[in-house]
């Protein structure tokens, strides 16, 4: 139940910030995909679904939305066709998203050698969240956006050109 509430909050927040239903659903899809990846992979890493791992997964929902939301926002703010907008979004915000994920990884790397179940579980879950979050945000979401991405924020901008003939200056009305 807590995971569904957190996902609902993620959707409402991304919809309010991106203000586009399609982009919000695509970001939400990446968040859910990241959680499914993490939930499936923790089995192969020897973790069970217990209080510690569930708490870490719920906390990590806020972290995994970050990678996809920045890419989607940069895509929405770019101009051009979908492929050009994906290229521009990845060029402009992609390195910052990667640096954010890498610095997050550096923040908890020291927990890898811990003997405590709580700290090793924290490391494993957050490592997977950063790994799959970056993958889904930097690889999966751009492909989805290039195929079925929403229109740009700047799509409705009216371009006014000054091709009108020059008007004569105003003359006084003489009676």
N, C-alpha and C. Protein backbone atom coordinates (compact mmCIF):
# COMPACT_ATOMS: atom_id res chain seq x y z
N UNK A 1 0.82 -1.19 0.00
CA UNK A 1 0.00 0.00 0.00
C UNK A 1 0.86 1.25 0.00
N UNK A 2 1.94 1.27 0.77
CA UNK A 2 2.80 2.45 0.84
C UNK A 2 3.47 2.74 -0.50
N UNK A 3 3.84 1.69 -1.21
CA UNK A 3 4.47 1.88 -2.52
C UNK A 3 3.48 2.51 -3.49
N UNK A 4 2.25 2.05 -3.47
CA UNK A 4 1.24 2.63 -4.37
C UNK A 4 0.95 4.09 -4.01
N UNK A 5 0.92 4.41 -2.74
CA UNK A 5 0.73 5.81 -2.33
C UNK A 5 1.91 6.67 -2.77
N UNK A 6 3.11 6.15 -2.62
CA UNK A 6 4.29 6.90 -3.04
C UNK A 6 4.29 7.10 -4.55
N UNK A 7 3.90 6.08 -5.29
CA UNK A 7 3.84 6.21 -6.76
C UNK A 7 2.76 7.22 -7.16
N UNK A 8 1.64 7.22 -6.46
CA UNK A 8 0.60 8.21 -6.73
C UNK A 8 1.12 9.62 -6.47
N UNK A 9 1.84 9.80 -5.38
CA UNK A 9 2.44 11.12 -5.09
C UNK A 9 3.45 11.53 -6.15
N UNK A 10 4.23 10.56 -6.64
CA UNK A 10 5.19 10.84 -7.71
C UNK A 10 4.44 11.30 -8.96
N UNK A 11 3.36 10.62 -9.30
CA UNK A 11 2.60 11.00 -10.49
C UNK A 11 2.02 12.40 -10.35
N UNK A 12 1.40 12.68 -9.23
CA UNK A 12 0.79 14.01 -9.03
C UNK A 12 1.85 15.10 -9.08
N UNK A 13 2.98 14.85 -8.44
CA UNK A 13 4.06 15.85 -8.43
C UNK A 13 4.64 16.06 -9.81
N UNK A 14 4.93 14.98 -10.54
CA UNK A 14 5.49 15.16 -11.88
C UNK A 14 4.48 15.80 -12.81
N UNK A 15 3.19 15.48 -12.64
CA UNK A 15 2.20 16.13 -13.49
C UNK A 15 2.13 17.63 -13.20
N UNK A 16 2.22 17.99 -11.93
CA UNK A 16 2.17 19.43 -11.59
C UNK A 16 3.42 20.14 -12.09
N UNK A 17 4.57 19.51 -12.06
CA UNK A 17 5.80 20.17 -12.47
C UNK A 17 6.01 20.13 -13.98
N UNK A 18 5.70 19.01 -14.62
CA UNK A 18 5.84 18.94 -16.08
C UNK A 18 4.62 19.49 -16.80
N UNK A 19 3.49 19.43 -16.16
CA UNK A 19 2.20 19.90 -16.67
C UNK A 19 1.89 19.31 -18.04
N UNK A 20 2.16 18.02 -18.15
CA UNK A 20 1.83 17.29 -19.35
C UNK A 20 1.53 15.86 -18.94
N UNK A 21 0.33 15.39 -19.22
CA UNK A 21 -0.10 14.08 -18.77
C UNK A 21 0.74 12.97 -19.39
N UNK A 22 1.01 13.08 -20.67
CA UNK A 22 1.77 12.05 -21.37
C UNK A 22 3.19 11.94 -20.81
N UNK A 23 3.85 13.07 -20.63
CA UNK A 23 5.22 13.05 -20.09
C UNK A 23 5.23 12.52 -18.66
N UNK A 24 4.23 12.88 -17.89
CA UNK A 24 4.15 12.40 -16.50
C UNK A 24 3.95 10.89 -16.46
N UNK A 25 3.13 10.37 -17.36
CA UNK A 25 2.93 8.92 -17.41
C UNK A 25 4.19 8.19 -17.87
N UNK A 26 4.94 8.80 -18.77
CA UNK A 26 6.19 8.17 -19.21
C UNK A 26 7.23 8.18 -18.09
N UNK A 27 7.31 9.27 -17.33
CA UNK A 27 8.21 9.30 -16.17
C UNK A 27 7.75 8.28 -15.14
N UNK A 28 6.47 8.21 -14.90
CA UNK A 28 5.94 7.23 -13.96
C UNK A 28 6.25 5.81 -14.41
N UNK A 29 6.17 5.56 -15.71
CA UNK A 29 6.53 4.25 -16.24
C UNK A 29 7.98 3.90 -15.95
N UNK A 30 8.87 4.87 -16.09
CA UNK A 30 10.29 4.63 -15.79
C UNK A 30 10.50 4.37 -14.29
N UNK A 31 9.77 5.08 -13.45
CA UNK A 31 9.88 4.86 -12.01
C UNK A 31 9.40 3.46 -11.65
N UNK A 32 8.27 3.06 -12.20
CA UNK A 32 7.74 1.72 -11.92
C UNK A 32 8.68 0.65 -12.49
N UNK A 33 9.22 0.88 -13.67
CA UNK A 33 10.17 -0.06 -14.26
C UNK A 33 11.42 -0.19 -13.39
N UNK A 34 11.90 0.92 -12.86
CA UNK A 34 13.05 0.88 -11.96
C UNK A 34 12.73 0.08 -10.71
N UNK A 35 11.56 0.29 -10.14
CA UNK A 35 11.17 -0.45 -8.93
C UNK A 35 11.02 -1.94 -9.22
N UNK A 36 10.47 -2.28 -10.38
CA UNK A 36 10.35 -3.69 -10.74
C UNK A 36 11.74 -4.31 -10.94
N UNK A 37 12.63 -3.57 -11.58
CA UNK A 37 14.01 -4.05 -11.76
C UNK A 37 14.68 -4.28 -10.42
N UNK A 38 14.54 -3.32 -9.51
CA UNK A 38 15.16 -3.45 -8.18
C UNK A 38 14.53 -4.61 -7.43
N UNK A 39 13.21 -4.68 -7.43
CA UNK A 39 12.53 -5.75 -6.72
C UNK A 39 12.89 -7.13 -7.24
N UNK A 40 13.08 -7.26 -8.54
CA UNK A 40 13.49 -8.53 -9.10
C UNK A 40 14.94 -8.87 -8.86
N UNK A 41 15.79 -7.85 -8.92
CA UNK A 41 17.22 -8.11 -8.80
C UNK A 41 17.66 -8.37 -7.36
N UNK A 42 16.93 -7.85 -6.38
CA UNK A 42 17.36 -8.09 -5.00
C UNK A 42 17.27 -9.58 -4.65
N UNK A 43 16.41 -10.31 -5.34
CA UNK A 43 16.34 -11.76 -5.12
C UNK A 43 17.67 -12.42 -5.50
N UNK A 44 18.23 -12.01 -6.63
CA UNK A 44 19.49 -12.60 -7.09
C UNK A 44 20.68 -12.15 -6.25
N UNK A 45 20.49 -11.09 -5.48
CA UNK A 45 21.57 -10.60 -4.63
C UNK A 45 21.44 -11.14 -3.20
N UNK A 46 20.50 -12.04 -2.98
CA UNK A 46 20.36 -12.70 -1.69
C UNK A 46 19.55 -11.95 -0.65
N UNK A 47 18.79 -10.96 -1.08
CA UNK A 47 17.95 -10.23 -0.13
C UNK A 47 16.53 -10.77 -0.18
N UNK A 48 15.84 -10.64 0.92
CA UNK A 48 14.43 -11.02 0.97
C UNK A 48 13.60 -9.75 1.18
N UNK A 49 12.32 -9.88 0.93
CA UNK A 49 11.42 -8.75 1.16
C UNK A 49 11.11 -8.71 2.65
N UNK A 50 11.83 -7.88 3.34
CA UNK A 50 11.61 -7.71 4.78
C UNK A 50 11.40 -6.23 5.06
N UNK A 51 11.30 -5.90 6.33
CA UNK A 51 11.02 -4.51 6.71
C UNK A 51 12.10 -3.56 6.23
N UNK A 52 13.35 -3.96 6.32
CA UNK A 52 14.46 -3.09 5.92
C UNK A 52 14.45 -2.85 4.43
N UNK A 53 14.32 -3.92 3.64
CA UNK A 53 14.36 -3.74 2.19
C UNK A 53 13.13 -2.97 1.69
N UNK A 54 11.96 -3.25 2.26
CA UNK A 54 10.76 -2.50 1.84
C UNK A 54 10.87 -1.02 2.18
N UNK A 55 11.37 -0.72 3.34
CA UNK A 55 11.56 0.68 3.72
C UNK A 55 12.53 1.38 2.78
N UNK A 56 13.62 0.70 2.43
CA UNK A 56 14.59 1.29 1.51
C UNK A 56 14.00 1.48 0.12
N UNK A 57 13.18 0.55 -0.33
CA UNK A 57 12.56 0.68 -1.65
C UNK A 57 11.58 1.85 -1.67
N UNK A 58 10.80 2.01 -0.60
CA UNK A 58 9.86 3.14 -0.55
C UNK A 58 10.61 4.47 -0.52
N UNK A 59 11.69 4.52 0.25
CA UNK A 59 12.49 5.75 0.29
C UNK A 59 13.12 6.04 -1.07
N UNK A 60 13.51 5.00 -1.78
CA UNK A 60 14.22 5.18 -3.04
C UNK A 60 13.31 5.63 -4.18
N UNK A 61 12.00 5.58 -3.99
CA UNK A 61 11.09 6.04 -5.05
C UNK A 61 11.36 7.51 -5.38
N UNK A 62 11.58 8.30 -4.37
CA UNK A 62 11.88 9.72 -4.60
C UNK A 62 13.19 9.94 -5.33
N UNK A 63 14.12 9.01 -5.15
CA UNK A 63 15.41 9.13 -5.83
C UNK A 63 15.31 8.73 -7.29
N UNK A 64 14.55 7.68 -7.60
CA UNK A 64 14.53 7.21 -8.99
C UNK A 64 13.68 8.09 -9.91
N UNK A 65 12.82 8.91 -9.35
CA UNK A 65 12.04 9.82 -10.20
C UNK A 65 12.92 10.95 -10.73
N UNK A 66 13.97 11.25 -10.02
CA UNK A 66 14.84 12.38 -10.36
C UNK A 66 15.46 12.22 -11.74
N UNK A 67 15.96 11.03 -12.04
CA UNK A 67 16.67 10.82 -13.30
C UNK A 67 15.74 11.01 -14.50
N UNK A 68 14.58 10.42 -14.44
CA UNK A 68 13.64 10.51 -15.57
C UNK A 68 12.99 11.88 -15.69
N UNK A 69 12.67 12.50 -14.57
CA UNK A 69 11.96 13.78 -14.62
C UNK A 69 12.81 14.87 -15.26
N UNK A 70 14.09 14.89 -14.97
CA UNK A 70 14.96 15.91 -15.58
C UNK A 70 15.06 15.73 -17.10
N UNK A 71 15.19 14.50 -17.54
CA UNK A 71 15.26 14.24 -18.98
C UNK A 71 13.94 14.63 -19.65
N UNK A 72 12.82 14.27 -19.04
CA UNK A 72 11.52 14.61 -19.63
C UNK A 72 11.32 16.11 -19.68
N UNK A 73 11.73 16.83 -18.64
CA UNK A 73 11.57 18.29 -18.64
C UNK A 73 12.44 18.93 -19.72
N UNK A 74 13.66 18.46 -19.87
CA UNK A 74 14.54 19.02 -20.91
C UNK A 74 13.98 18.70 -22.29
N UNK A 75 13.39 17.52 -22.46
CA UNK A 75 12.76 17.16 -23.73
C UNK A 75 11.59 18.09 -24.03
N UNK A 76 10.77 18.36 -23.01
CA UNK A 76 9.61 19.21 -23.21
C UNK A 76 10.01 20.66 -23.52
N UNK A 77 11.12 21.11 -22.98
CA UNK A 77 11.55 22.49 -23.17
C UNK A 77 12.31 22.71 -24.47
N UNK A 78 12.67 21.65 -25.17
CA UNK A 78 13.44 21.76 -26.41
C UNK A 78 12.52 21.96 -27.59
N UNK A 79 13.09 22.46 -28.67
CA UNK A 79 12.34 22.68 -29.90
C UNK A 79 12.85 21.75 -30.99
N UNK A 80 12.03 21.52 -31.98
CA UNK A 80 12.40 20.67 -33.10
C UNK A 80 11.56 19.40 -33.13
N UNK A 81 11.98 18.44 -33.99
CA UNK A 81 11.26 17.17 -34.01
C UNK A 81 11.69 16.34 -32.80
N UNK A 82 11.07 15.20 -32.62
CA UNK A 82 11.28 14.41 -31.40
C UNK A 82 12.73 13.94 -31.27
N UNK A 83 13.33 13.52 -32.37
CA UNK A 83 14.71 13.04 -32.30
C UNK A 83 15.68 14.16 -31.93
N UNK A 84 15.48 15.35 -32.50
CA UNK A 84 16.34 16.49 -32.17
C UNK A 84 16.14 16.90 -30.71
N UNK A 85 14.91 16.83 -30.23
CA UNK A 85 14.63 17.20 -28.84
C UNK A 85 15.26 16.20 -27.88
N UNK A 86 15.27 14.92 -28.24
CA UNK A 86 15.93 13.92 -27.40
C UNK A 86 17.43 14.17 -27.37
N UNK A 87 18.01 14.43 -28.54
CA UNK A 87 19.45 14.71 -28.61
C UNK A 87 19.80 15.94 -27.77
N UNK A 88 18.99 16.98 -27.90
CA UNK A 88 19.25 18.21 -27.16
C UNK A 88 19.08 17.99 -25.65
N UNK A 89 18.07 17.24 -25.25
CA UNK A 89 17.85 16.96 -23.82
C UNK A 89 19.00 16.16 -23.24
N UNK A 90 19.45 15.15 -23.97
CA UNK A 90 20.57 14.34 -23.48
C UNK A 90 21.87 15.13 -23.45
N UNK A 91 22.05 16.02 -24.43
CA UNK A 91 23.28 16.82 -24.45
C UNK A 91 23.28 17.87 -23.34
N UNK A 92 22.11 18.46 -23.07
CA UNK A 92 22.06 19.54 -22.09
C UNK A 92 22.00 19.04 -20.65
N UNK A 93 21.15 18.06 -20.36
CA UNK A 93 20.92 17.66 -18.97
C UNK A 93 21.46 16.27 -18.68
N UNK A 94 21.75 15.49 -19.72
CA UNK A 94 22.25 14.13 -19.52
C UNK A 94 23.50 14.04 -18.65
N UNK A 95 24.54 14.85 -18.92
CA UNK A 95 25.73 14.78 -18.06
C UNK A 95 25.44 15.15 -16.60
N UNK A 96 24.56 16.10 -16.38
CA UNK A 96 24.21 16.48 -15.01
C UNK A 96 23.45 15.35 -14.31
N UNK A 97 22.57 14.67 -15.03
CA UNK A 97 21.85 13.53 -14.46
C UNK A 97 22.82 12.42 -14.11
N UNK A 98 23.76 12.14 -15.02
CA UNK A 98 24.76 11.10 -14.74
C UNK A 98 25.63 11.47 -13.54
N UNK A 99 26.06 12.73 -13.48
CA UNK A 99 26.87 13.18 -12.34
C UNK A 99 26.09 13.08 -11.03
N UNK A 100 24.80 13.38 -11.08
CA UNK A 100 23.97 13.25 -9.89
C UNK A 100 23.88 11.81 -9.42
N UNK A 101 23.71 10.89 -10.36
CA UNK A 101 23.67 9.47 -10.01
C UNK A 101 25.01 8.98 -9.48
N UNK A 102 26.09 9.42 -10.11
CA UNK A 102 27.42 8.99 -9.67
C UNK A 102 27.76 9.55 -8.29
N UNK A 103 27.41 10.80 -8.04
CA UNK A 103 27.68 11.37 -6.72
C UNK A 103 26.82 10.72 -5.64
N UNK A 104 25.60 10.31 -6.00
CA UNK A 104 24.77 9.56 -5.05
C UNK A 104 25.41 8.22 -4.74
N UNK A 105 25.95 7.57 -5.76
CA UNK A 105 26.65 6.31 -5.56
C UNK A 105 27.86 6.50 -4.65
N UNK A 106 28.60 7.57 -4.84
CA UNK A 106 29.77 7.84 -3.99
C UNK A 106 29.37 8.09 -2.54
N UNK A 107 28.15 8.60 -2.34
CA UNK A 107 27.69 8.90 -0.99
C UNK A 107 27.48 7.65 -0.15
N UNK A 108 27.10 6.54 -0.78
CA UNK A 108 26.83 5.34 0.01
C UNK A 108 27.76 4.17 -0.31
N UNK A 109 28.82 4.37 -1.07
CA UNK A 109 29.73 3.29 -1.43
C UNK A 109 30.43 2.69 -0.20
N UNK A 110 30.63 3.50 0.81
CA UNK A 110 31.32 2.99 2.00
C UNK A 110 30.48 1.98 2.77
N UNK A 111 29.19 1.93 2.52
CA UNK A 111 28.34 0.95 3.18
C UNK A 111 28.52 -0.46 2.60
N UNK A 112 29.20 -0.58 1.49
CA UNK A 112 29.35 -1.88 0.84
C UNK A 112 30.10 -2.88 1.72
N UNK A 113 31.04 -2.40 2.49
CA UNK A 113 31.83 -3.30 3.32
C UNK A 113 31.28 -3.52 4.71
N UNK A 114 30.12 -3.03 4.98
CA UNK A 114 29.55 -3.13 6.33
C UNK A 114 29.13 -4.57 6.64
N UNK A 115 29.16 -4.91 7.91
CA UNK A 115 28.72 -6.23 8.37
C UNK A 115 27.26 -6.21 8.82
N UNK A 116 26.68 -5.03 8.98
CA UNK A 116 25.31 -4.89 9.46
C UNK A 116 24.32 -5.18 8.33
N UNK A 117 23.29 -5.93 8.63
CA UNK A 117 22.26 -6.26 7.65
C UNK A 117 21.57 -5.00 7.13
N UNK A 118 21.31 -4.06 8.02
CA UNK A 118 20.62 -2.83 7.63
C UNK A 118 21.46 -2.04 6.64
N UNK A 119 22.75 -1.89 6.91
CA UNK A 119 23.60 -1.09 6.03
C UNK A 119 23.89 -1.79 4.71
N UNK A 120 24.09 -3.12 4.73
CA UNK A 120 24.32 -3.81 3.46
C UNK A 120 23.06 -3.81 2.60
N UNK A 121 21.89 -3.95 3.22
CA UNK A 121 20.64 -3.87 2.47
C UNK A 121 20.46 -2.48 1.88
N UNK A 122 20.76 -1.45 2.67
CA UNK A 122 20.69 -0.07 2.17
C UNK A 122 21.59 0.10 0.96
N UNK A 123 22.82 -0.39 1.07
CA UNK A 123 23.75 -0.27 -0.06
C UNK A 123 23.22 -0.99 -1.29
N UNK A 124 22.79 -2.23 -1.12
CA UNK A 124 22.35 -3.01 -2.28
C UNK A 124 21.12 -2.40 -2.95
N UNK A 125 20.15 -1.99 -2.17
CA UNK A 125 18.93 -1.40 -2.75
C UNK A 125 19.25 -0.08 -3.44
N UNK A 126 20.00 0.78 -2.79
CA UNK A 126 20.29 2.09 -3.39
C UNK A 126 21.24 1.98 -4.57
N UNK A 127 22.14 1.02 -4.54
CA UNK A 127 23.01 0.79 -5.69
C UNK A 127 22.15 0.39 -6.90
N UNK A 128 21.21 -0.51 -6.67
CA UNK A 128 20.33 -0.93 -7.76
C UNK A 128 19.43 0.21 -8.24
N UNK A 129 18.96 1.03 -7.32
CA UNK A 129 18.11 2.16 -7.71
C UNK A 129 18.89 3.13 -8.58
N UNK A 130 20.12 3.44 -8.19
CA UNK A 130 20.93 4.36 -9.00
C UNK A 130 21.26 3.73 -10.35
N UNK A 131 21.63 2.46 -10.36
CA UNK A 131 21.99 1.78 -11.60
C UNK A 131 20.80 1.72 -12.56
N UNK A 132 19.68 1.19 -12.10
CA UNK A 132 18.51 1.07 -12.97
C UNK A 132 17.85 2.42 -13.23
N UNK A 133 17.90 3.34 -12.28
CA UNK A 133 17.34 4.67 -12.49
C UNK A 133 18.08 5.41 -13.58
N UNK A 134 19.41 5.35 -13.55
CA UNK A 134 20.21 5.98 -14.61
C UNK A 134 19.96 5.30 -15.96
N UNK A 135 19.89 3.98 -15.95
CA UNK A 135 19.65 3.26 -17.20
C UNK A 135 18.28 3.65 -17.79
N UNK A 136 17.25 3.61 -16.96
CA UNK A 136 15.92 3.95 -17.46
C UNK A 136 15.79 5.42 -17.83
N UNK A 137 16.46 6.30 -17.09
CA UNK A 137 16.38 7.73 -17.38
C UNK A 137 17.21 8.16 -18.57
N UNK A 138 18.38 7.54 -18.77
CA UNK A 138 19.29 7.97 -19.82
C UNK A 138 19.21 7.12 -21.09
N UNK A 139 18.62 5.94 -21.00
CA UNK A 139 18.55 5.08 -22.18
C UNK A 139 17.10 4.75 -22.58
N UNK A 140 16.31 4.27 -21.63
CA UNK A 140 14.95 3.82 -21.97
C UNK A 140 14.04 5.01 -22.25
N UNK A 141 14.00 5.98 -21.35
CA UNK A 141 13.09 7.12 -21.53
C UNK A 141 13.38 7.91 -22.81
N UNK A 142 14.63 8.20 -23.17
CA UNK A 142 14.85 8.91 -24.44
C UNK A 142 14.33 8.15 -25.67
N UNK A 143 14.44 6.81 -25.65
CA UNK A 143 13.91 6.03 -26.77
C UNK A 143 12.39 6.15 -26.81
N UNK A 144 11.75 6.05 -25.65
CA UNK A 144 10.29 6.17 -25.59
C UNK A 144 9.86 7.57 -26.02
N UNK A 145 10.58 8.59 -25.56
CA UNK A 145 10.24 9.96 -25.94
C UNK A 145 10.42 10.20 -27.43
N UNK A 146 11.43 9.59 -28.03
CA UNK A 146 11.64 9.79 -29.47
C UNK A 146 10.56 9.09 -30.29
N UNK A 147 9.95 8.06 -29.73
CA UNK A 147 8.89 7.35 -30.45
C UNK A 147 7.51 7.93 -30.20
N UNK A 148 7.16 8.16 -28.93
CA UNK A 148 5.81 8.61 -28.58
C UNK A 148 5.84 9.80 -27.63
N UNK A 149 6.84 10.63 -27.75
CA UNK A 149 6.97 11.77 -26.85
C UNK A 149 5.91 12.84 -27.10
N UNK A 150 5.60 13.61 -26.07
CA UNK A 150 4.60 14.68 -26.22
C UNK A 150 5.17 15.88 -26.96
N UNK A 151 4.27 16.79 -27.29
CA UNK A 151 4.69 18.03 -27.96
C UNK A 151 5.51 18.89 -27.02
N UNK A 152 6.27 19.77 -27.60
CA UNK A 152 7.12 20.68 -26.84
C UNK A 152 6.29 21.77 -26.17
N UNK A 153 6.84 22.33 -25.10
CA UNK A 153 6.21 23.49 -24.50
C UNK A 153 6.16 24.64 -25.49
N UNK A 154 7.16 24.75 -26.34
CA UNK A 154 7.29 25.86 -27.28
C UNK A 154 6.58 25.60 -28.60
N UNK A 155 5.79 24.55 -28.69
CA UNK A 155 5.13 24.19 -29.93
C UNK A 155 4.10 25.23 -30.35
N UNK A 156 3.48 25.87 -29.40
CA UNK A 156 2.41 26.82 -29.72
C UNK A 156 2.89 28.24 -29.91
N UNK A 157 4.18 28.46 -29.91
CA UNK A 157 4.71 29.81 -30.01
C UNK A 157 4.44 30.35 -31.41
N UNK A 158 3.86 31.49 -31.46
CA UNK A 158 3.57 32.14 -32.73
C UNK A 158 4.77 32.98 -33.14
N UNK A 159 5.29 32.69 -34.30
CA UNK A 159 6.44 33.44 -34.79
C UNK A 159 5.93 34.60 -35.62
N UNK A 160 6.25 35.79 -35.19
CA UNK A 160 5.79 36.99 -35.87
C UNK A 160 6.96 37.54 -36.67
N UNK A 161 6.74 37.66 -37.95
CA UNK A 161 7.77 38.25 -38.79
C UNK A 161 7.31 39.63 -39.20
N UNK A 162 8.23 40.47 -39.41
CA UNK A 162 7.93 41.86 -39.73
C UNK A 162 7.99 42.05 -41.24
N UNK A 163 7.08 41.41 -41.95
CA UNK A 163 7.04 41.54 -43.40
C UNK A 163 5.94 42.51 -43.86
N UNK A 164 5.28 43.13 -42.93
CA UNK A 164 4.20 44.06 -43.28
C UNK A 164 4.80 45.31 -43.90
N UNK A 165 4.09 45.88 -44.87
CA UNK A 165 4.62 47.12 -45.48
C UNK A 165 4.61 48.25 -44.45
N UNK A 166 5.57 49.13 -44.62
CA UNK A 166 5.66 50.25 -43.68
C UNK A 166 4.45 51.15 -43.84
N UNK A 167 3.93 51.55 -42.71
CA UNK A 167 2.77 52.44 -42.74
C UNK A 167 3.27 53.88 -42.79
N UNK A 168 2.43 54.70 -43.38
CA UNK A 168 2.76 56.11 -43.43
C UNK A 168 2.56 56.70 -42.04
N UNK A 169 3.34 57.70 -41.70
CA UNK A 169 3.16 58.31 -40.38
C UNK A 169 1.78 58.95 -40.30
N UNK A 170 1.28 59.04 -39.09
CA UNK A 170 -0.04 59.62 -38.88
C UNK A 170 -0.02 61.10 -39.25
N UNK A 171 -1.11 61.50 -39.93
CA UNK A 171 -1.23 62.90 -40.35
C UNK A 171 -2.42 63.48 -39.62
N UNK A 172 -2.34 64.73 -39.31
CA UNK A 172 -3.50 65.34 -38.64
C UNK A 172 -4.70 65.42 -39.58
N UNK A 173 -5.85 65.34 -39.00
CA UNK A 173 -7.07 65.44 -39.80
C UNK A 173 -7.38 66.93 -39.98
N UNK A 174 -7.48 67.33 -41.19
CA UNK A 174 -7.71 68.73 -41.49
C UNK A 174 -9.13 68.88 -42.00
N UNK A 175 -9.89 69.80 -41.40
CA UNK A 175 -11.26 70.05 -41.86
C UNK A 175 -11.33 71.32 -42.65
